[in-house]
Protein backbone atom coordinates (compact mmCIF):
# COMPACT_ATOMS: atom_id res chain seq x y z
CA UNK A 1 5.14 37.12 -1.29
CA UNK A 2 7.56 34.79 0.45
CA UNK A 3 10.11 32.80 -1.66
CA UNK A 4 8.35 29.54 -0.70
CA UNK A 5 4.98 30.76 -1.96
CA UNK A 6 6.57 32.17 -5.11
CA UNK A 7 8.16 28.79 -5.91
CA UNK A 8 4.89 26.95 -5.31
CA UNK A 9 2.96 29.42 -7.47
CA UNK A 10 5.58 29.03 -10.19
CA UNK A 11 5.27 25.23 -9.96
CA UNK A 12 1.51 25.29 -10.44
CA UNK A 13 1.75 27.92 -13.19
CA UNK A 14 4.22 25.76 -15.12
CA UNK A 15 1.96 22.77 -14.54
CA UNK A 16 -1.02 24.61 -16.02
CA UNK A 17 1.08 25.82 -18.96
CA UNK A 18 2.22 22.27 -19.61
CA UNK A 19 -1.39 21.21 -19.34
CA UNK A 20 -2.45 23.57 -22.09
CA UNK A 21 0.43 22.45 -24.32
CA UNK A 22 -0.42 18.77 -23.88
CA UNK A 23 -4.10 19.35 -24.69
CA UNK A 24 -3.19 21.21 -27.86
CA UNK A 25 -0.67 18.61 -29.05
CA UNK A 26 -2.34 15.29 -28.23
CA UNK A 27 -5.50 15.46 -30.34
CA UNK A 28 -8.29 13.08 -29.32
CA UNK A 29 -6.53 12.12 -26.07
CA UNK A 30 -6.28 15.77 -25.04
CA UNK A 31 -9.14 15.56 -22.53
CA UNK A 32 -7.61 12.50 -20.91
CA UNK A 33 -4.27 14.27 -20.58
CA UNK A 34 -5.97 17.34 -19.15
CA UNK A 35 -7.75 15.32 -16.48
CA UNK A 36 -4.64 13.25 -15.80
CA UNK A 37 -2.47 16.28 -15.05
CA UNK A 38 -5.25 17.85 -12.97
CA UNK A 39 -5.38 14.61 -10.96
CA UNK A 40 -1.63 14.78 -10.30
CA UNK A 41 -1.83 18.45 -9.32
CA UNK A 42 -4.80 17.80 -7.04
CA UNK A 43 -2.94 14.90 -5.45
CA UNK A 44 -0.06 17.26 -4.56
CA UNK A 45 -2.39 19.61 -2.67
CA UNK A 46 -1.59 18.35 0.89
CA UNK A 47 2.16 18.75 0.29
CA UNK A 48 1.69 22.22 -1.23
CA UNK A 49 -0.60 23.21 1.65
CA UNK A 50 1.93 22.07 4.24
CA UNK A 51 4.82 23.86 2.50
CA UNK A 52 2.88 27.11 2.18
CA UNK A 53 2.01 27.04 5.89
CA UNK A 54 5.47 25.87 6.89
CA UNK A 55 3.88 22.92 8.69
CA UNK A 56 4.48 19.97 6.37
CA UNK A 57 4.36 16.65 8.23
CA UNK A 58 5.49 14.04 5.70
CA UNK A 59 3.87 11.23 7.71
CA UNK A 60 0.50 12.94 8.13
CA UNK A 61 -2.19 10.56 6.80
CA UNK A 62 -3.57 12.85 4.11
CA UNK A 63 -0.05 13.41 2.71
CA UNK A 64 0.73 9.68 2.54
CA UNK A 65 -2.66 8.61 1.18
CA UNK A 66 -2.87 11.35 -1.45
CA UNK A 67 0.71 10.69 -2.62
CA UNK A 68 0.17 6.95 -3.02
CA UNK A 69 -3.23 7.42 -4.64
CA UNK A 70 -1.65 9.86 -7.11
CA UNK A 71 1.02 7.26 -7.95
CA UNK A 72 -1.62 4.58 -8.56
CA UNK A 73 -4.06 6.70 -10.56
CA UNK A 74 -2.40 9.88 -11.86
CA UNK A 75 1.20 8.89 -12.60
CA UNK A 76 0.27 5.36 -13.63
CA UNK A 77 -2.50 6.83 -15.79
CA UNK A 78 0.04 9.07 -17.54
CA UNK A 79 2.15 5.99 -18.34
CA UNK A 80 -0.93 4.26 -19.74
CA UNK A 81 -1.54 7.27 -21.99
CA UNK A 82 2.09 7.25 -23.14
CA UNK A 83 2.77 3.52 -23.49
CA UNK A 84 -0.56 1.69 -23.27
CA UNK A 85 -1.08 -1.26 -20.94
CA UNK A 86 -1.07 -5.02 -21.34
CA UNK A 87 -4.08 -5.10 -19.02
CA UNK A 88 -6.07 -2.93 -21.45
CA UNK A 89 -5.10 -4.48 -24.79
CA UNK A 90 -8.66 -5.75 -25.33
CA UNK A 91 -10.00 -2.18 -25.28
CA UNK A 92 -7.35 -0.28 -27.23
CA UNK A 93 -8.77 -1.06 -30.68
CA UNK A 94 -11.79 1.18 -29.94
CA UNK A 95 -10.10 4.55 -29.52
CA UNK A 96 -13.18 6.67 -28.72
CA UNK A 97 -14.41 4.40 -25.93
CA UNK A 98 -10.86 3.83 -24.73
CA UNK A 99 -10.17 7.56 -24.35
CA UNK A 100 -13.59 8.13 -22.81
CA UNK A 101 -13.03 5.48 -20.14
CA UNK A 102 -9.56 6.85 -19.36
CA UNK A 103 -11.11 10.29 -18.93
CA UNK A 104 -13.61 8.82 -16.48
CA UNK A 105 -10.78 7.14 -14.56
CA UNK A 106 -9.21 10.54 -13.92
CA UNK A 107 -12.53 12.32 -13.34
CA UNK A 108 -13.61 9.82 -10.68
CA UNK A 109 -10.11 9.98 -9.17
CA UNK A 110 -10.41 13.73 -8.73
CA UNK A 111 -13.82 13.28 -7.14
CA UNK A 112 -12.30 10.75 -4.75
CA UNK A 113 -9.47 13.12 -3.81
CA UNK A 114 -11.85 16.03 -3.29
CA UNK A 115 -14.02 14.04 -0.89
CA UNK A 116 -10.93 12.62 0.85
CA UNK A 117 -9.86 16.22 1.52
CA UNK A 118 -13.40 17.22 2.48
CA UNK A 119 -13.53 14.52 5.13
CA UNK A 120 -9.99 15.08 6.35
CA UNK A 121 -10.12 18.86 6.68
CA UNK A 122 -13.63 18.92 8.15
CA UNK A 123 -14.20 19.36 11.89
CA UNK A 124 -15.52 15.80 12.25
CA UNK A 125 -12.13 14.17 12.78
CA UNK A 126 -10.94 16.40 15.66
CA UNK A 127 -14.42 16.27 17.17
CA UNK A 128 -14.37 12.47 17.22
CA UNK A 129 -10.82 12.48 18.68
CA UNK A 130 -11.91 14.76 21.55
CA UNK A 131 -14.69 12.36 22.47
CA UNK A 132 -12.40 9.33 22.64
CA UNK A 133 -11.14 8.46 26.13
CA UNK A 134 -7.56 9.26 26.97
CA UNK A 135 -5.43 6.16 27.37
CA UNK A 136 -2.69 6.41 29.98
CA UNK A 137 0.09 3.84 29.78
CA UNK A 138 2.40 3.42 32.73
CA UNK A 139 4.45 0.46 31.65
CA UNK A 140 7.41 -0.55 33.73
CA UNK A 141 10.46 -2.30 32.35
CA UNK A 142 9.18 -5.73 33.42
CA UNK A 143 5.86 -5.15 31.67
CA UNK A 144 7.71 -4.19 28.51
CA UNK A 145 9.64 -7.45 28.58
CA UNK A 146 6.38 -9.36 29.15
CA UNK A 147 4.74 -7.61 26.16
CA UNK A 148 7.79 -8.34 24.04
CA UNK A 149 7.76 -12.01 25.08
CA UNK A 150 4.05 -12.24 24.16
CA UNK A 151 4.66 -10.69 20.72
CA UNK A 152 7.55 -13.01 19.98
CA UNK A 153 5.60 -16.02 21.22
CA UNK A 154 2.66 -15.20 18.94
CA UNK A 155 4.95 -14.74 15.93
CA UNK A 156 6.74 -17.98 16.79
CA UNK A 157 3.36 -19.74 16.86
CA UNK A 158 2.72 -18.52 13.31
CA UNK A 159 6.14 -19.72 12.21
CA UNK A 160 5.62 -23.15 13.81
CA UNK A 161 2.12 -23.45 12.29
CA UNK A 162 3.48 -22.66 8.85
CA UNK A 163 6.33 -25.14 9.33
CA UNK A 164 3.86 -27.81 10.42
CA UNK A 165 1.58 -27.32 7.40
CA UNK A 166 4.33 -26.76 4.83
CA UNK A 167 4.94 -30.50 4.24
CA UNK A 168 1.42 -30.74 2.79
CA UNK A 169 2.38 -28.10 0.22
CA UNK A 170 5.67 -29.92 -0.33
CA UNK A 171 3.81 -33.14 -1.09
CA UNK A 172 1.70 -31.37 -3.73
CA UNK A 173 4.44 -29.36 -5.44
CA UNK A 174 7.57 -31.44 -4.95
CA UNK A 175 11.02 -30.48 -3.75
CA UNK A 176 12.34 -29.66 -7.23
CA UNK A 177 9.61 -27.12 -8.03
CA UNK A 178 9.97 -25.41 -4.67
CA UNK A 179 13.76 -25.24 -5.01
CA UNK A 180 13.40 -23.80 -8.53
CA UNK A 181 11.09 -20.97 -7.43
CA UNK A 182 9.71 -21.05 -3.86
CA UNK A 183 7.59 -17.95 -4.48
CA UNK A 184 5.51 -19.27 -7.37
CA UNK A 185 4.79 -22.50 -5.50
CA UNK A 186 3.93 -21.11 -2.07
CA UNK A 187 2.50 -17.65 -2.84
CA UNK A 188 -1.01 -18.91 -3.54
CA UNK A 189 -0.96 -21.15 -0.45
CA UNK A 190 0.12 -18.31 1.85
CA UNK A 191 -1.73 -15.23 0.64
CA UNK A 192 -4.63 -16.56 -1.38
CA UNK A 193 -5.24 -20.04 -0.07
CA UNK A 194 -6.96 -18.84 3.06
CA UNK A 195 -3.87 -18.97 5.27
CA UNK A 196 -3.37 -15.22 5.79
CA UNK A 197 -3.71 -15.79 9.53
CA UNK A 198 -0.15 -17.15 9.66
CA UNK A 199 1.22 -13.98 8.06
CA UNK A 200 -0.68 -11.90 10.63
CA UNK A 201 0.84 -13.93 13.46
CA UNK A 202 4.34 -13.45 12.05
CA UNK A 203 3.85 -9.68 12.01
CA UNK A 204 3.68 -9.65 15.80
CA UNK A 205 7.47 -9.92 15.77
CA UNK A 206 7.52 -6.47 14.12
CA UNK A 207 5.34 -5.08 16.91
CA UNK A 208 7.91 -6.44 19.38
CA UNK A 209 10.62 -4.60 17.45
CA UNK A 210 8.68 -1.32 17.65
CA UNK A 211 8.15 -1.76 21.39
CA UNK A 212 11.86 -2.23 21.92
CA UNK A 213 12.78 0.71 19.70
CA UNK A 214 10.54 3.31 21.31
CA UNK A 215 11.35 2.16 24.84
CA UNK A 216 15.04 2.09 24.05
CA UNK A 217 14.67 5.78 23.22
CA UNK A 218 12.85 6.29 26.54
CA UNK A 219 14.89 4.09 28.89
CA UNK A 220 18.10 3.32 27.04
CA UNK A 221 17.81 -0.47 27.06
CA UNK A 222 20.93 -2.63 27.05
CA UNK A 223 22.48 -4.06 23.92
CA UNK A 224 21.25 -7.61 24.54
CA UNK A 225 17.62 -6.62 24.99
CA UNK A 226 17.81 -4.19 22.06
CA UNK A 227 19.29 -6.78 19.67
CA UNK A 228 16.94 -9.67 20.46
CA UNK A 229 13.85 -8.51 18.61
CA UNK A 230 15.64 -7.06 15.52
CA UNK A 231 17.53 -10.32 14.99
CA UNK A 232 14.33 -12.29 15.31
CA UNK A 233 12.52 -9.96 12.92
CA UNK A 234 15.36 -10.27 10.38
CA UNK A 235 14.98 -14.04 10.56
CA UNK A 236 11.21 -13.86 10.05
CA UNK A 237 11.47 -11.32 7.22
CA UNK A 238 14.16 -13.35 5.45
CA UNK A 239 12.14 -16.56 5.80
CA UNK A 240 8.96 -15.00 4.51
CA UNK A 241 10.79 -13.28 1.67
CA UNK A 242 12.40 -16.60 0.69
CA UNK A 243 9.10 -18.48 0.55
CA UNK A 244 6.67 -15.69 -0.17
CA UNK A 245 8.53 -12.92 -1.99
CA UNK A 246 6.40 -10.41 -0.08
CA UNK A 247 7.55 -6.81 -0.54
CA UNK A 248 5.41 -5.78 2.39
CA UNK A 249 7.52 -7.80 4.81
CA UNK A 250 10.42 -5.51 3.88
CA UNK A 251 8.62 -2.21 3.40
CA UNK A 252 6.34 -2.31 6.41
CA UNK A 253 9.01 -2.66 9.14
CA UNK A 254 11.01 0.16 7.50
CA UNK A 255 7.93 2.39 7.36
CA UNK A 256 6.94 1.62 10.95
CA UNK A 257 10.41 2.42 12.28
CA UNK A 258 10.69 5.65 10.28
CA UNK A 259 7.31 6.87 11.52
CA UNK A 260 8.08 5.96 15.14
CA UNK A 261 11.45 7.69 14.95
CA UNK A 262 9.83 10.74 13.35
CA UNK A 263 7.46 11.28 16.27
CA UNK A 264 9.44 9.80 19.18
CA UNK A 265 12.97 11.08 18.55
CA UNK A 266 13.42 13.55 15.70
CA UNK A 267 11.48 14.54 12.59
CA UNK A 268 12.54 12.80 9.41
CA UNK A 269 14.34 15.05 6.97
CA UNK A 270 13.92 15.00 3.24
CA UNK A 271 17.70 14.69 2.74
CA UNK A 272 17.42 11.32 4.53
CA UNK A 273 14.10 10.16 3.06
CA UNK A 274 14.96 10.90 -0.58
CA UNK A 275 18.16 8.75 -0.72
CA UNK A 276 16.44 6.01 1.26
CA UNK A 277 13.46 6.11 -1.09
CA UNK A 278 15.74 5.89 -4.14
CA UNK A 279 17.55 2.86 -2.71
CA UNK A 280 14.22 1.16 -2.01
CA UNK A 281 12.77 2.04 -5.44
CA UNK A 282 15.78 1.22 -7.62
CA UNK A 283 17.41 -1.60 -5.68
CA UNK A 284 15.36 -3.31 -2.98
CA UNK A 285 11.93 -3.53 -4.62
CA UNK A 286 13.19 -4.42 -8.12
CA UNK A 287 15.43 -7.13 -6.64
CA UNK A 288 12.49 -8.60 -4.75
CA UNK A 289 10.41 -8.42 -7.94
CA UNK A 290 13.08 -10.26 -9.92
CA UNK A 291 13.34 -12.89 -7.20
CA UNK A 292 9.57 -13.46 -7.39
CA UNK A 293 9.93 -14.13 -11.11
CA UNK A 294 13.26 -16.00 -11.23
CA UNK A 295 13.59 -17.69 -7.87
CA UNK A 296 17.08 -18.24 -6.36
CA UNK A 297 18.85 -17.85 -9.71
CA UNK A 298 21.86 -15.77 -8.60
CA UNK A 299 23.22 -15.15 -12.09
CA UNK A 300 19.82 -14.18 -13.46
CA UNK A 301 19.22 -11.83 -10.53
CA UNK A 302 22.62 -10.20 -11.03
CA UNK A 303 21.93 -9.60 -14.72
CA UNK A 304 18.51 -8.09 -14.01
CA UNK A 305 19.81 -5.78 -11.27
CA UNK A 306 22.72 -4.67 -13.48
CA UNK A 307 20.34 -3.93 -16.36
CA UNK A 308 18.17 -1.93 -13.99
CA UNK A 309 21.11 0.29 -13.03
CA UNK A 310 22.09 0.81 -16.66
CA UNK A 311 18.54 1.61 -17.74
CA UNK A 312 16.58 3.25 -14.86
CA UNK A 313 13.28 2.91 -16.72
CA UNK A 314 13.79 -0.87 -16.87
CA UNK A 315 14.69 -0.89 -13.19
CA UNK A 316 11.33 0.67 -12.36
CA UNK A 317 9.34 -1.92 -14.30
CA UNK A 318 8.77 -4.24 -11.28
CA UNK A 319 7.33 -1.28 -9.35
CA UNK A 320 5.22 0.05 -12.20
CA UNK A 321 3.90 -3.45 -12.89
CA UNK A 322 2.51 -3.52 -9.33
CA UNK A 323 1.14 0.05 -9.43
CA UNK A 324 -1.67 -0.65 -11.87
CA UNK A 325 -4.51 1.15 -10.07
CA UNK A 326 -5.54 3.16 -13.12
CA UNK A 327 -5.57 0.03 -15.31
CA UNK A 328 -7.77 -1.92 -12.91
CA UNK A 329 -10.18 0.98 -12.40
CA UNK A 330 -10.45 1.28 -16.19
CA UNK A 331 -11.43 -2.40 -16.42
CA UNK A 332 -13.98 -1.96 -13.62
CA UNK A 333 -15.59 0.99 -15.39
CA UNK A 334 -15.70 -0.99 -18.64
CA UNK A 335 -17.18 -4.13 -17.06
CA UNK A 336 -19.55 -2.75 -14.40
CA UNK A 337 -22.54 -3.03 -14.26
CA UNK A 338 -22.55 -4.94 -17.56
CA UNK A 339 -21.61 -7.79 -17.60
CA UNK A 340 -20.62 -7.74 -13.89
CA UNK A 341 -23.26 -6.26 -11.56
CA UNK A 342 -22.54 -4.03 -8.58
CA UNK A 343 -21.76 -5.93 -5.37
CA UNK A 344 -23.69 -3.68 -2.93
CA UNK A 345 -21.22 -4.23 -0.09
CA UNK A 346 -20.61 -7.97 -0.60
CA UNK A 347 -16.82 -7.51 -0.92
CA UNK A 348 -16.63 -6.31 2.70
CA UNK A 349 -17.88 -9.64 4.00
CA UNK A 350 -14.29 -10.85 3.54
CA UNK A 351 -13.45 -8.98 6.76
CA UNK A 352 -15.29 -11.76 8.56
CA UNK A 353 -13.85 -14.70 6.63
CA UNK A 354 -10.26 -13.54 5.91
CA UNK A 355 -8.73 -14.88 9.13
CA UNK A 356 -10.33 -18.33 9.07
CA UNK A 357 -7.75 -20.88 7.82
CA UNK A 358 -8.90 -22.80 4.78
CA UNK A 359 -7.85 -25.97 6.58
CA UNK A 360 -10.79 -25.35 8.92
CA UNK A 361 -13.18 -24.21 6.17
CA UNK A 362 -12.31 -25.85 2.82
CA UNK A 363 -15.20 -24.11 1.07
CA UNK A 364 -14.27 -20.63 2.25
CA UNK A 365 -14.76 -17.92 -0.43
CA UNK A 366 -11.62 -16.69 -2.13
CA UNK A 367 -10.32 -13.23 -1.31
CA UNK A 368 -11.88 -10.50 -3.42
CA UNK A 369 -8.54 -9.95 -5.17
CA UNK A 370 -8.78 -13.51 -6.52
CA UNK A 371 -12.47 -13.15 -7.39
CA UNK A 372 -11.77 -9.86 -9.15
CA UNK A 373 -9.03 -11.49 -11.21
CA UNK A 374 -11.26 -14.39 -12.19
CA UNK A 375 -14.36 -12.28 -12.90
CA UNK A 376 -12.94 -9.16 -14.56
CA UNK A 377 -9.63 -10.29 -16.07
CA UNK A 378 -10.37 -13.99 -16.70
CA UNK A 379 -6.74 -15.18 -17.05
CA UNK A 380 -5.64 -18.79 -17.32
CA UNK A 381 -4.31 -18.83 -13.73
CA UNK A 382 -7.43 -17.87 -11.80
CA UNK A 383 -6.02 -18.29 -8.29
CA UNK A 384 -3.66 -15.31 -8.42
CA UNK A 385 -4.77 -12.13 -6.68
CA UNK A 386 -4.96 -8.71 -8.35
CA UNK A 387 -5.50 -5.44 -6.49
CA UNK A 388 -8.58 -3.69 -7.95
CA UNK A 389 -7.71 -0.29 -6.33
CA UNK A 390 -9.68 1.14 -3.43
CA UNK A 391 -11.59 3.53 -5.68
CA UNK A 392 -12.44 0.57 -7.91
CA UNK A 393 -13.78 -1.41 -4.96
CA UNK A 394 -15.90 1.57 -3.88
CA UNK A 395 -17.28 1.80 -7.44
CA UNK A 396 -17.95 -1.94 -7.71
CA UNK A 397 -20.02 -1.80 -4.54
CA UNK A 398 -21.97 1.46 -4.74
CA UNK A 399 -21.08 3.27 -8.01
CA UNK A 400 -20.37 7.02 -7.63
CA UNK A 401 -22.02 7.12 -4.22
CA UNK A 402 -19.47 4.58 -3.00
CA UNK A 403 -16.58 6.83 -4.13
CA UNK A 404 -18.07 9.92 -2.50
CA UNK A 405 -19.04 8.35 0.82
CA UNK A 406 -16.07 5.97 0.93
CA UNK A 407 -13.37 8.61 0.47
CA UNK A 408 -15.13 11.05 2.79
CA UNK A 409 -15.20 8.41 5.56
CA UNK A 410 -11.56 7.51 4.90
CA UNK A 411 -10.68 11.18 5.31
CA UNK A 412 -12.61 11.48 8.58
CA UNK A 413 -11.06 8.29 9.98
CA UNK A 414 -7.54 9.43 9.06
CA UNK A 415 -8.05 12.87 10.64
CA UNK A 416 -9.44 11.27 13.82
CA UNK A 417 -6.42 8.98 14.01
CA UNK A 418 -3.96 11.83 13.55
CA UNK A 419 -5.71 14.13 16.01
CA UNK A 420 -5.96 11.45 18.68
CA UNK A 421 -2.55 9.79 18.45
CA UNK A 422 -0.29 12.66 17.35
CA UNK A 423 -1.84 16.07 17.97
CA UNK A 424 -3.51 15.21 21.25
CA UNK A 425 -1.07 13.08 23.23
CA UNK A 426 1.95 11.61 21.36
CA UNK A 427 2.18 8.76 23.85
CA UNK A 428 4.69 6.29 22.50
CA UNK A 429 2.23 3.40 22.67
CA UNK A 430 -0.23 5.38 20.54
CA UNK A 431 2.58 6.29 18.15
CA UNK A 432 3.25 2.57 17.63
CA UNK A 433 -0.43 2.05 16.86
CA UNK A 434 -0.43 5.12 14.59
CA UNK A 435 2.62 3.94 12.62
CA UNK A 436 0.92 0.63 11.85
CA UNK A 437 -2.51 2.12 11.14
CA UNK A 438 -1.39 4.93 8.81
CA UNK A 439 0.85 2.56 6.83
CA UNK A 440 -2.02 0.09 6.49
CA UNK A 441 -4.36 2.86 5.34
CA UNK A 442 -1.83 4.02 2.74
CA UNK A 443 -1.35 0.58 1.19
CA UNK A 444 -5.13 0.01 1.38
CA UNK A 445 -5.35 2.48 -1.53
CA UNK A 446 -4.50 -0.54 -3.68
CA UNK A 447 -7.64 -2.32 -2.47
CA UNK A 448 -9.44 -4.44 -1.62
CA UNK A 449 -9.90 -3.37 1.99
CA UNK A 450 -10.37 -6.85 3.45
CA UNK A 451 -7.12 -8.08 1.86
CA UNK A 452 -5.08 -5.46 3.74
């Protein structure tokens, strides 16, 4: 037995031993803990498989999706078992039903993972990739500059459109409110008021950045050409962060560039990814979270960041507060089909309506994240959006069949993407497409699909 396999076997043996100890010590919640730890172990399967074979690709779709799903359902579920959840306070007074529903959260999560792996490791994905036509790109330097100009023009159009419509929001909210906290005032208008199209247009600046990066590796572009798009993207990201507080506008460009570099230049190493991940988790994301809550209060932000460094658990609160997949799936299981019936695919109609500005269609349906918040959580502020989790959306639409078929199809699609863009050709244009697609698929684990 090789040292690598011995370490992995030891890891799983210790996990199972811990499992038995938890079940024996936790009484009535023992079954929930058992299923929770099994969910976490099952979610680590792609990483363990890659390590055993010596072929771990950290940016392979199944690795990224399973890891993020495990964070949302397994690790978050363990925190719910340990500390409870403000989202579930209405259910915690009935311990038997509470523990039973938590057990079902983990049981359905394992079913989802199993069918994700079944679809991904089946022969369907490579078979579909072989049948897709090969795309040959022969872009010259002038065509690259034209593509870059188009991307920047489209993103500029989104910026101008937002700037043109912003005075209407200013008239409603007032200068003082916006200055006090731009995020709280404009977040609903941007992401939930039917104006997502402007955010999509702004993201074209990031595509321009990726084009420049990969072709700089290929052709060694000059400093002026190489600096143009990054500076523009920094401006767009800073502007959108200021008025929207969107973590994605920071995380997505970083993820895209890391994935492109991994496949175009050199494979990412764990000694680089781990420190970068820690900086993002303990500094960047918490700071953005505090800004969303406090606005441009420099002293308040400094105090929060300092407290986060002194107490790491506190510093993770903004992240954990957003990673509530297990909580939302619990609520869905408790509320579906009584009093809220199954949707039978109705949530996917938002794919058609999401990109129509509300200015053109005042009566446009809200995003499903907003409808889910209003229907299942019923808070006072009904226009805020809450991610129901992808597994929860599958369940809302088609019960267990939705989880089985949905995760199987996600697995097949991810394997087709990987086989076509990475294993088959590794053309840099396809790598750009792959970096965007696999990141989108990973964050789509939060659900709902049409909102991503």
